[in-house]
PDB file of N, CA and C in Angstrom:
ATOM      1  N   UNK A   1      88.568 129.404 154.301  1.00  0.00           N
ATOM      2  CA  UNK A   1      88.697 130.544 153.095  1.00  0.00           C
ATOM      3  C   UNK A   1      88.697 132.433 153.164  1.00  0.00           C
ATOM      4  N   UNK A   2      88.911 132.923 152.587  1.00  0.00           N
ATOM      5  CA  UNK A   2      89.370 134.196 152.831  1.00  0.00           C
ATOM      6  C   UNK A   2      88.342 135.066 152.618  1.00  0.00           C
ATOM      7  N   UNK A   3      87.984 136.434 152.473  1.00  0.00           N
ATOM      8  CA  UNK A   3      87.597 137.297 152.223  1.00  0.00           C
ATOM      9  C   UNK A   3      87.966 137.684 150.582  1.00  0.00           C
ATOM     10  N   UNK A   4      88.983 137.163 150.117  1.00  0.00           N
ATOM     11  CA  UNK A   4      89.333 137.657 148.788  1.00  0.00           C
ATOM     12  C   UNK A   4      89.782 136.351 147.818  1.00  0.00           C
ATOM     13  N   UNK A   5      89.737 135.909 147.103  1.00  0.00           N
ATOM     14  CA  UNK A   5      90.179 134.515 146.096  1.00  0.00           C
ATOM     15  C   UNK A   5      89.680 133.841 145.594  1.00  0.00           C
ATOM     16  N   UNK A   6      89.833 133.101 144.447  1.00  0.00           N
ATOM     17  CA  UNK A   6      89.517 132.273 143.385  1.00  0.00           C
ATOM     18  C   UNK A   6      87.894 131.521 144.202  1.00  0.00           C
ATOM     19  N   UNK A   7      86.808 131.371 143.701  1.00  0.00           N
ATOM     20  CA  UNK A   7      85.880 130.756 144.645  1.00  0.00           C
ATOM     21  C   UNK A   7      86.348 129.379 144.466  1.00  0.00           C
ATOM     22  N   UNK A   8      85.879 128.539 145.176  1.00  0.00           N
ATOM     23  CA  UNK A   8      86.165 126.886 145.051  1.00  0.00           C
ATOM     24  C   UNK A   8      85.850 126.024 143.932  1.00  0.00           C
ATOM     25  N   UNK A   9      87.007 125.693 143.092  1.00  0.00           N
ATOM     26  CA  UNK A   9      86.515 125.148 141.326  1.00  0.00           C
ATOM     27  C   UNK A   9      85.802 123.846 142.021  1.00  0.00           C
ATOM     28  N   UNK A  10      84.972 123.818 141.483  1.00  0.00           N
ATOM     29  CA  UNK A  10      84.395 122.128 141.346  1.00  0.00           C
ATOM     30  C   UNK A  10      85.064 121.280 141.048  1.00  0.00           C
ATOM     31  N   UNK A  11      84.777 120.127 140.934  1.00  0.00           N
ATOM     32  CA  UNK A  11      85.519 118.510 140.187  1.00  0.00           C
ATOM     33  C   UNK A  11      85.038 118.947 139.077  1.00  0.00           C
ATOM     34  N   UNK A  12      84.470 118.909 138.034  1.00  0.00           N
ATOM     35  CA  UNK A  12      83.769 119.293 136.745  1.00  0.00           C
ATOM     36  C   UNK A  12      84.960 120.737 136.533  1.00  0.00           C
ATOM     37  N   UNK A  13      85.249 121.551 137.337  1.00  0.00           N
ATOM     38  CA  UNK A  13      86.458 122.405 136.455  1.00  0.00           C
ATOM     39  C   UNK A  13      87.711 122.149 136.304  1.00  0.00           C
ATOM     40  N   UNK A  14      88.012 121.562 137.406  1.00  0.00           N
ATOM     41  CA  UNK A  14      89.491 121.137 137.737  1.00  0.00           C
ATOM     42  C   UNK A  14      89.823 120.262 136.351  1.00  0.00           C
ATOM     43  N   UNK A  15      88.799 118.923 136.529  1.00  0.00           N
ATOM     44  CA  UNK A  15      89.111 118.100 134.977  1.00  0.00           C
ATOM     45  C   UNK A  15      89.368 118.700 133.872  1.00  0.00           C
ATOM     46  N   UNK A  16      88.745 120.257 133.833  1.00  0.00           N
ATOM     47  CA  UNK A  16      89.139 120.947 132.169  1.00  0.00           C
ATOM     48  C   UNK A  16      90.472 121.741 132.398  1.00  0.00           C
ATOM     49  N   UNK A  17      90.865 121.829 133.411  1.00  0.00           N
ATOM     50  CA  UNK A  17      92.205 122.575 133.579  1.00  0.00           C
ATOM     51  C   UNK A  17      93.141 121.805 132.490  1.00  0.00           C
ATOM     52  N   UNK A  18      94.127 122.972 132.189  1.00  0.00           N
ATOM     53  CA  UNK A  18      95.706 122.316 131.622  1.00  0.00           C
ATOM     54  C   UNK A  18      96.700 123.279 132.564  1.00  0.00           C
ATOM     55  N   UNK A  19      97.693 122.218 132.520  1.00  0.00           N
ATOM     56  CA  UNK A  19      98.289 123.404 133.629  1.00  0.00           C
ATOM     57  C   UNK A  19      98.878 124.293 133.353  1.00  0.00           C
ATOM     58  N   UNK A  20      98.683 125.068 133.460  1.00  0.00           N
ATOM     59  CA  UNK A  20      98.880 126.622 133.310  1.00  0.00           C
ATOM     60  C   UNK A  20      97.580 127.017 134.478  1.00  0.00           C
ATOM     61  N   UNK A  21      96.618 126.424 134.378  1.00  0.00           N
ATOM     62  CA  UNK A  21      95.437 126.958 135.603  1.00  0.00           C
ATOM     63  C   UNK A  21      95.763 126.013 136.741  1.00  0.00           C
ATOM     64  N   UNK A  22      96.567 125.433 136.741  1.00  0.00           N
ATOM     65  CA  UNK A  22      96.972 124.458 138.319  1.00  0.00           C
ATOM     66  C   UNK A  22      97.327 125.679 139.285  1.00  0.00           C
ATOM     67  N   UNK A  23      97.906 127.074 138.760  1.00  0.00           N
ATOM     68  CA  UNK A  23      98.119 128.022 139.175  1.00  0.00           C
ATOM     69  C   UNK A  23      96.897 128.212 140.081  1.00  0.00           C
ATOM     70  N   UNK A  24      95.751 128.396 139.881  1.00  0.00           N
ATOM     71  CA  UNK A  24      94.592 128.752 140.437  1.00  0.00           C
ATOM     72  C   UNK A  24      94.515 127.691 141.983  1.00  0.00           C
ATOM     73  N   UNK A  25      95.129 126.872 142.157  1.00  0.00           N
ATOM     74  CA  UNK A  25      94.639 126.164 142.998  1.00  0.00           C
ATOM     75  C   UNK A  25      95.790 126.577 144.250  1.00  0.00           C
ATOM     76  N   UNK A  26      96.733 127.598 144.215  1.00  0.00           N
ATOM     77  CA  UNK A  26      97.060 128.033 145.344  1.00  0.00           C
ATOM     78  C   UNK A  26      96.788 129.180 146.103  1.00  0.00           C
ATOM     79  N   UNK A  27      95.890 129.690 145.438  1.00  0.00           N
ATOM     80  CA  UNK A  27      95.360 130.826 146.466  1.00  0.00           C
ATOM     81  C   UNK A  27      94.004 129.849 147.002  1.00  0.00           C
ATOM     82  N   UNK A  28      94.713 130.568 148.374  1.00  0.00           N
ATOM     83  CA  UNK A  28      93.056 130.237 149.473  1.00  0.00           C
ATOM     84  C   UNK A  28      91.497 130.875 148.505  1.00  0.00           C
ATOM     85  N   UNK A  29      90.862 130.001 148.088  1.00  0.00           N
ATOM     86  CA  UNK A  29      89.748 130.633 147.951  1.00  0.00           C
ATOM     87  C   UNK A  29      89.686 131.396 148.748  1.00  0.00           C
ATOM     88  N   UNK A  30      88.401 132.438 147.969  1.00  0.00           N
ATOM     89  CA  UNK A  30      87.324 133.702 148.946  1.00  0.00           C
ATOM     90  C   UNK A  30      85.992 134.005 148.569  1.00  0.00           C
ATOM     91  N   UNK A  31      85.367 134.714 149.428  1.00  0.00           N
ATOM     92  CA  UNK A  31      83.997 134.723 148.654  1.00  0.00           C
ATOM     93  C   UNK A  31      84.203 135.591 147.555  1.00  0.00           C
ATOM     94  N   UNK A  32      84.974 136.891 147.295  1.00  0.00           N
ATOM     95  CA  UNK A  32      84.861 137.785 146.007  1.00  0.00           C
ATOM     96  C   UNK A  32      85.814 137.701 145.202  1.00  0.00           C
ATOM     97  N   UNK A  33      86.250 138.000 144.460  1.00  0.00           N
ATOM     98  CA  UNK A  33      87.852 137.516 143.472  1.00  0.00           C
ATOM     99  C   UNK A  33      87.794 139.002 142.373  1.00  0.00           C
ATOM    100  N   UNK A  34      88.925 138.742 141.105  1.00  0.00           N
ATOM    101  CA  UNK A  34      89.348 139.411 140.918  1.00  0.00           C
ATOM    102  C   UNK A  34      88.168 139.426 139.481  1.00  0.00           C
ATOM    103  N   UNK A  35      87.706 137.753 138.847  1.00  0.00           N
ATOM    104  CA  UNK A  35      86.927 137.701 137.628  1.00  0.00           C
ATOM    105  C   UNK A  35      85.370 138.731 138.753  1.00  0.00           C
ATOM    106  N   UNK A  36      84.403 138.236 139.353  1.00  0.00           N
ATOM    107  CA  UNK A  36      83.805 138.608 139.796  1.00  0.00           C
ATOM    108  C   UNK A  36      83.356 140.114 140.131  1.00  0.00           C
ATOM    109  N   UNK A  37      84.140 140.752 139.935  1.00  0.00           N
ATOM    110  CA  UNK A  37      84.574 142.549 139.760  1.00  0.00           C
ATOM    111  C   UNK A  37      84.868 142.697 138.312  1.00  0.00           C
ATOM    112  N   UNK A  38      85.209 142.004 137.748  1.00  0.00           N
ATOM    113  CA  UNK A  38      85.832 142.244 135.649  1.00  0.00           C
ATOM    114  C   UNK A  38      84.857 141.838 134.673  1.00  0.00           C
ATOM    115  N   UNK A  39      84.636 141.098 135.130  1.00  0.00           N
ATOM    116  CA  UNK A  39      83.864 140.183 133.979  1.00  0.00           C
ATOM    117  C   UNK A  39      82.197 140.774 134.211  1.00  0.00           C
ATOM    118  N   UNK A  40      81.917 141.393 133.132  1.00  0.00           N
ATOM    119  CA  UNK A  40      79.712 141.306 133.051  1.00  0.00           C
ATOM    120  C   UNK A  40      79.616 139.869 132.799  1.00  0.00           C
ATOM    121  N   UNK A  41      78.114 140.316 132.209  1.00  0.00           N
ATOM    122  CA  UNK A  41      77.205 139.087 132.051  1.00  0.00           C
ATOM    123  C   UNK A  41      77.074 138.737 130.791  1.00  0.00           C
ATOM    124  N   UNK A  42      77.545 139.999 129.717  1.00  0.00           N
ATOM    125  CA  UNK A  42      77.772 139.338 128.577  1.00  0.00           C
ATOM    126  C   UNK A  42      78.651 138.523 128.026  1.00  0.00           C
ATOM    127  N   UNK A  43      80.300 139.351 128.939  1.00  0.00           N
ATOM    128  CA  UNK A  43      80.987 138.773 128.565  1.00  0.00           C
ATOM    129  C   UNK A  43      81.475 137.270 129.827  1.00  0.00           C
ATOM    130  N   UNK A  44      81.141 136.101 129.360  1.00  0.00           N
ATOM    131  CA  UNK A  44      81.805 135.280 131.144  1.00  0.00           C
ATOM    132  C   UNK A  44      82.188 134.315 130.381  1.00  0.00           C
ATOM    133  N   UNK A  45      83.069 133.420 130.395  1.00  0.00           N
ATOM    134  CA  UNK A  45      83.610 131.594 130.060  1.00  0.00           C
ATOM    135  C   UNK A  45      84.405 131.619 130.612  1.00  0.00           C
ATOM    136  N   UNK A  46      84.272 130.011 130.716  1.00  0.00           N
ATOM    137  CA  UNK A  46      85.310 128.567 131.650  1.00  0.00           C
ATOM    138  C   UNK A  46      86.880 129.969 131.279  1.00  0.00           C
ATOM    139  N   UNK A  47      87.555 130.350 130.102  1.00  0.00           N
ATOM    140  CA  UNK A  47      88.772 131.083 129.753  1.00  0.00           C
ATOM    141  C   UNK A  47      88.952 131.979 130.574  1.00  0.00           C
ATOM    142  N   UNK A  48      87.945 132.699 130.418  1.00  0.00           N
ATOM    143  CA  UNK A  48      88.025 134.243 131.208  1.00  0.00           C
ATOM    144  C   UNK A  48      88.508 134.429 132.623  1.00  0.00           C
ATOM    145  N   UNK A  49      86.888 132.935 133.284  1.00  0.00           N
ATOM    146  CA  UNK A  49      87.421 133.777 134.255  1.00  0.00           C
ATOM    147  C   UNK A  49      88.364 132.552 134.951  1.00  0.00           C
ATOM    148  N   UNK A  50      88.666 131.299 134.514  1.00  0.00           N
ATOM    149  CA  UNK A  50      90.466 130.927 135.306  1.00  0.00           C
ATOM    150  C   UNK A  50      91.584 131.300 134.760  1.00  0.00           C
ATOM    151  N   UNK A  51      91.628 131.912 133.486  1.00  0.00           N
ATOM    152  CA  UNK A  51      92.475 133.299 133.272  1.00  0.00           C
ATOM    153  C   UNK A  51      92.643 134.258 134.377  1.00  0.00           C
ATOM    154  N   UNK A  52      91.570 135.112 135.070  1.00  0.00           N
ATOM    155  CA  UNK A  52      91.298 135.865 135.727  1.00  0.00           C
ATOM    156  C   UNK A  52      92.192 135.100 137.086  1.00  0.00           C
ATOM    157  N   UNK A  53      91.405 133.936 137.772  1.00  0.00           N
ATOM    158  CA  UNK A  53      92.369 133.362 138.891  1.00  0.00           C
ATOM    159  C   UNK A  53      93.610 133.024 138.752  1.00  0.00           C
ATOM    160  N   UNK A  54      94.191 132.457 138.040  1.00  0.00           N
ATOM    161  CA  UNK A  54      95.669 132.166 137.336  1.00  0.00           C
ATOM    162  C   UNK A  54      96.147 134.017 138.197  1.00  0.00           C
ATOM    163  N   UNK A  55      95.747 134.553 137.326  1.00  0.00           N
ATOM    164  CA  UNK A  55      96.428 136.110 137.549  1.00  0.00           C
ATOM    165  C   UNK A  55      96.619 136.416 139.127  1.00  0.00           C
ATOM    166  N   UNK A  56      95.408 136.303 139.610  1.00  0.00           N
ATOM    167  CA  UNK A  56      95.072 137.210 140.923  1.00  0.00           C
ATOM    168  C   UNK A  56      96.368 135.926 141.715  1.00  0.00           C
ATOM    169  N   UNK A  57      96.130 135.025 141.317  1.00  0.00           N
ATOM    170  CA  UNK A  57      97.318 133.786 142.260  1.00  0.00           C
ATOM    171  C   UNK A  57      98.581 134.219 142.090  1.00  0.00           C
ATOM    172  N   UNK A  58      98.561 134.634 141.002  1.00  0.00           N
ATOM    173  CA  UNK A  58     100.154 135.276 140.500  1.00  0.00           C
ATOM    174  C   UNK A  58     100.648 136.518 141.253  1.00  0.00           C
ATOM    175  N   UNK A  59      99.474 137.430 140.878  1.00  0.00           N
ATOM    176  CA  UNK A  59      99.966 138.742 141.717  1.00  0.00           C
ATOM    177  C   UNK A  59      99.384 138.906 143.768  1.00  0.00           C
ATOM    178  N   UNK A  60      99.226 138.176 144.391  1.00  0.00           N
ATOM    179  CA  UNK A  60      98.122 138.578 145.424  1.00  0.00           C
ATOM    180  C   UNK A  60      99.385 139.363 146.165  1.00  0.00           C
ATOM    181  N   UNK A  61      98.359 140.464 146.543  1.00  0.00           N
ATOM    182  CA  UNK A  61      98.923 141.369 147.572  1.00  0.00           C
ATOM    183  C   UNK A  61      97.530 141.849 148.278  1.00  0.00           C
ATOM    184  N   UNK A  62      98.245 142.328 149.346  1.00  0.00           N
ATOM    185  CA  UNK A  62      97.016 143.180 150.400  1.00  0.00           C
ATOM    186  C   UNK A  62      96.627 144.351 149.364  1.00  0.00           C
ATOM    187  N   UNK A  63      97.139 144.751 148.473  1.00  0.00           N
ATOM    188  CA  UNK A  63      96.611 145.973 147.816  1.00  0.00           C
ATOM    189  C   UNK A  63      95.721 145.788 147.014  1.00  0.00           C
ATOM    190  N   UNK A  64      96.366 144.506 145.938  1.00  0.00           N
ATOM    191  CA  UNK A  64      94.799 143.861 145.356  1.00  0.00           C
ATOM    192  C   UNK A  64      93.864 143.431 145.854  1.00  0.00           C
ATOM    193  N   UNK A  65      94.298 142.731 146.922  1.00  0.00           N
ATOM    194  CA  UNK A  65      93.085 142.393 147.671  1.00  0.00           C
ATOM    195  C   UNK A  65      92.346 143.907 148.166  1.00  0.00           C
ATOM    196  N   UNK A  66      92.488 144.731 148.446  1.00  0.00           N
ATOM    197  CA  UNK A  66      91.696 145.951 148.791  1.00  0.00           C
ATOM    198  C   UNK A  66      91.211 146.531 147.458  1.00  0.00           C
ATOM    199  N   UNK A  67      92.167 146.920 146.554  1.00  0.00           N
ATOM    200  CA  UNK A  67      91.425 147.103 144.876  1.00  0.00           C
ATOM    201  C   UNK A  67      90.213 146.618 145.162  1.00  0.00           C
ATOM    202  N   UNK A  68      90.402 144.798 145.035  1.00  0.00           N
ATOM    203  CA  UNK A  68      89.368 143.950 144.880  1.00  0.00           C
ATOM    204  C   UNK A  68      87.684 144.052 145.584  1.00  0.00           C
ATOM    205  N   UNK A  69      87.959 144.730 146.813  1.00  0.00           N
ATOM    206  CA  UNK A  69      87.502 144.877 148.159  1.00  0.00           C
ATOM    207  C   UNK A  69      86.430 146.071 147.673  1.00  0.00           C
ATOM    208  N   UNK A  70      87.158 146.827 147.608  1.00  0.00           N
ATOM    209  CA  UNK A  70      86.547 148.288 147.489  1.00  0.00           C
ATOM    210  C   UNK A  70      85.398 148.444 145.444  1.00  0.00           C
ATOM    211  N   UNK A  71      86.214 147.503 145.032  1.00  0.00           N
ATOM    212  CA  UNK A  71      85.548 146.893 143.824  1.00  0.00           C
ATOM    213  C   UNK A  71      84.188 146.487 143.521  1.00  0.00           C
ATOM    214  N   UNK A  72      84.197 145.638 144.894  1.00  0.00           N
ATOM    215  CA  UNK A  72      82.594 145.191 144.840  1.00  0.00           C
ATOM    216  C   UNK A  72      81.464 145.478 145.339  1.00  0.00           C
ATOM    217  N   UNK A  73      81.794 146.681 146.256  1.00  0.00           N
ATOM    218  CA  UNK A  73      80.827 147.083 147.194  1.00  0.00           C
ATOM    219  C   UNK A  73      79.523 147.807 145.908  1.00  0.00           C
ATOM    220  N   UNK A  74      80.743 148.284 144.992  1.00  0.00           N
ATOM    221  CA  UNK A  74      79.717 149.322 143.832  1.00  0.00           C
ATOM    222  C   UNK A  74      79.656 147.756 142.672  1.00  0.00           C
ATOM    223  N   UNK A  75      79.883 146.907 142.948  1.00  0.00           N
ATOM    224  CA  UNK A  75      79.713 145.556 141.410  1.00  0.00           C
ATOM    225  C   UNK A  75      78.046 144.786 141.861  1.00  0.00           C
ATOM    226  N   UNK A  76      78.293 144.704 143.253  1.00  0.00           N
ATOM    227  CA  UNK A  76      77.015 143.985 143.811  1.00  0.00           C
ATOM    228  C   UNK A  76      76.250 145.021 143.618  1.00  0.00           C
ATOM    229  N   UNK A  77      76.305 146.185 144.554  1.00  0.00           N
ATOM    230  CA  UNK A  77      74.950 147.123 144.585  1.00  0.00           C
ATOM    231  C   UNK A  77      73.872 147.295 143.129  1.00  0.00           C
ATOM    232  N   UNK A  78      74.891 147.420 142.229  1.00  0.00           N
ATOM    233  CA  UNK A  78      74.560 147.856 141.064  1.00  0.00           C
ATOM    234  C   UNK A  78      74.307 146.729 140.231  1.00  0.00           C
ATOM    235  N   UNK A  79      74.826 146.045 140.786  1.00  0.00           N
ATOM    236  CA  UNK A  79      74.155 144.443 140.136  1.00  0.00           C
ATOM    237  C   UNK A  79      75.128 144.140 138.361  1.00  0.00           C
ATOM    238  N   UNK A  80      76.208 145.348 138.448  1.00  0.00           N
ATOM    239  CA  UNK A  80      76.843 144.661 137.202  1.00  0.00           C
ATOM    240  C   UNK A  80      77.575 143.467 137.558  1.00  0.00           C
ATOM    241  N   UNK A  81      77.939 142.915 138.360  1.00  0.00           N
ATOM    242  CA  UNK A  81      78.915 141.656 138.181  1.00  0.00           C
ATOM    243  C   UNK A  81      78.762 140.380 137.502  1.00  0.00           C
ATOM    244  N   UNK A  82      79.664 139.509 137.735  1.00  0.00           N
ATOM    245  CA  UNK A  82      79.214 137.856 137.208  1.00  0.00           C
ATOM    246  C   UNK A  82      77.886 137.163 138.308  1.00  0.00           C
ATOM    247  N   UNK A  83      77.440 136.314 137.485  1.00  0.00           N
ATOM    248  CA  UNK A  83      76.119 135.932 138.256  1.00  0.00           C
ATOM    249  C   UNK A  83      76.772 134.707 139.685  1.00  0.00           C
TER     250      UNK A  83
END
């Protein structure tokens, strides 16, 4: 597990994947991720979550990880992030 990456999926989530979602499994799981600092409580569904995790897996870089880490701090302290 790393600091940044998609949360490890449950079996129930993987059963809902279509072919494009499998890219999410290529990234090392992490404690925080793109969807945790992007989505808000009012707008959170499976398709959005998996879509952002796939985007992260396709665009992984040091700079993206740094950006996510920096966004995690105010998201957590401000209570603005996902559940």
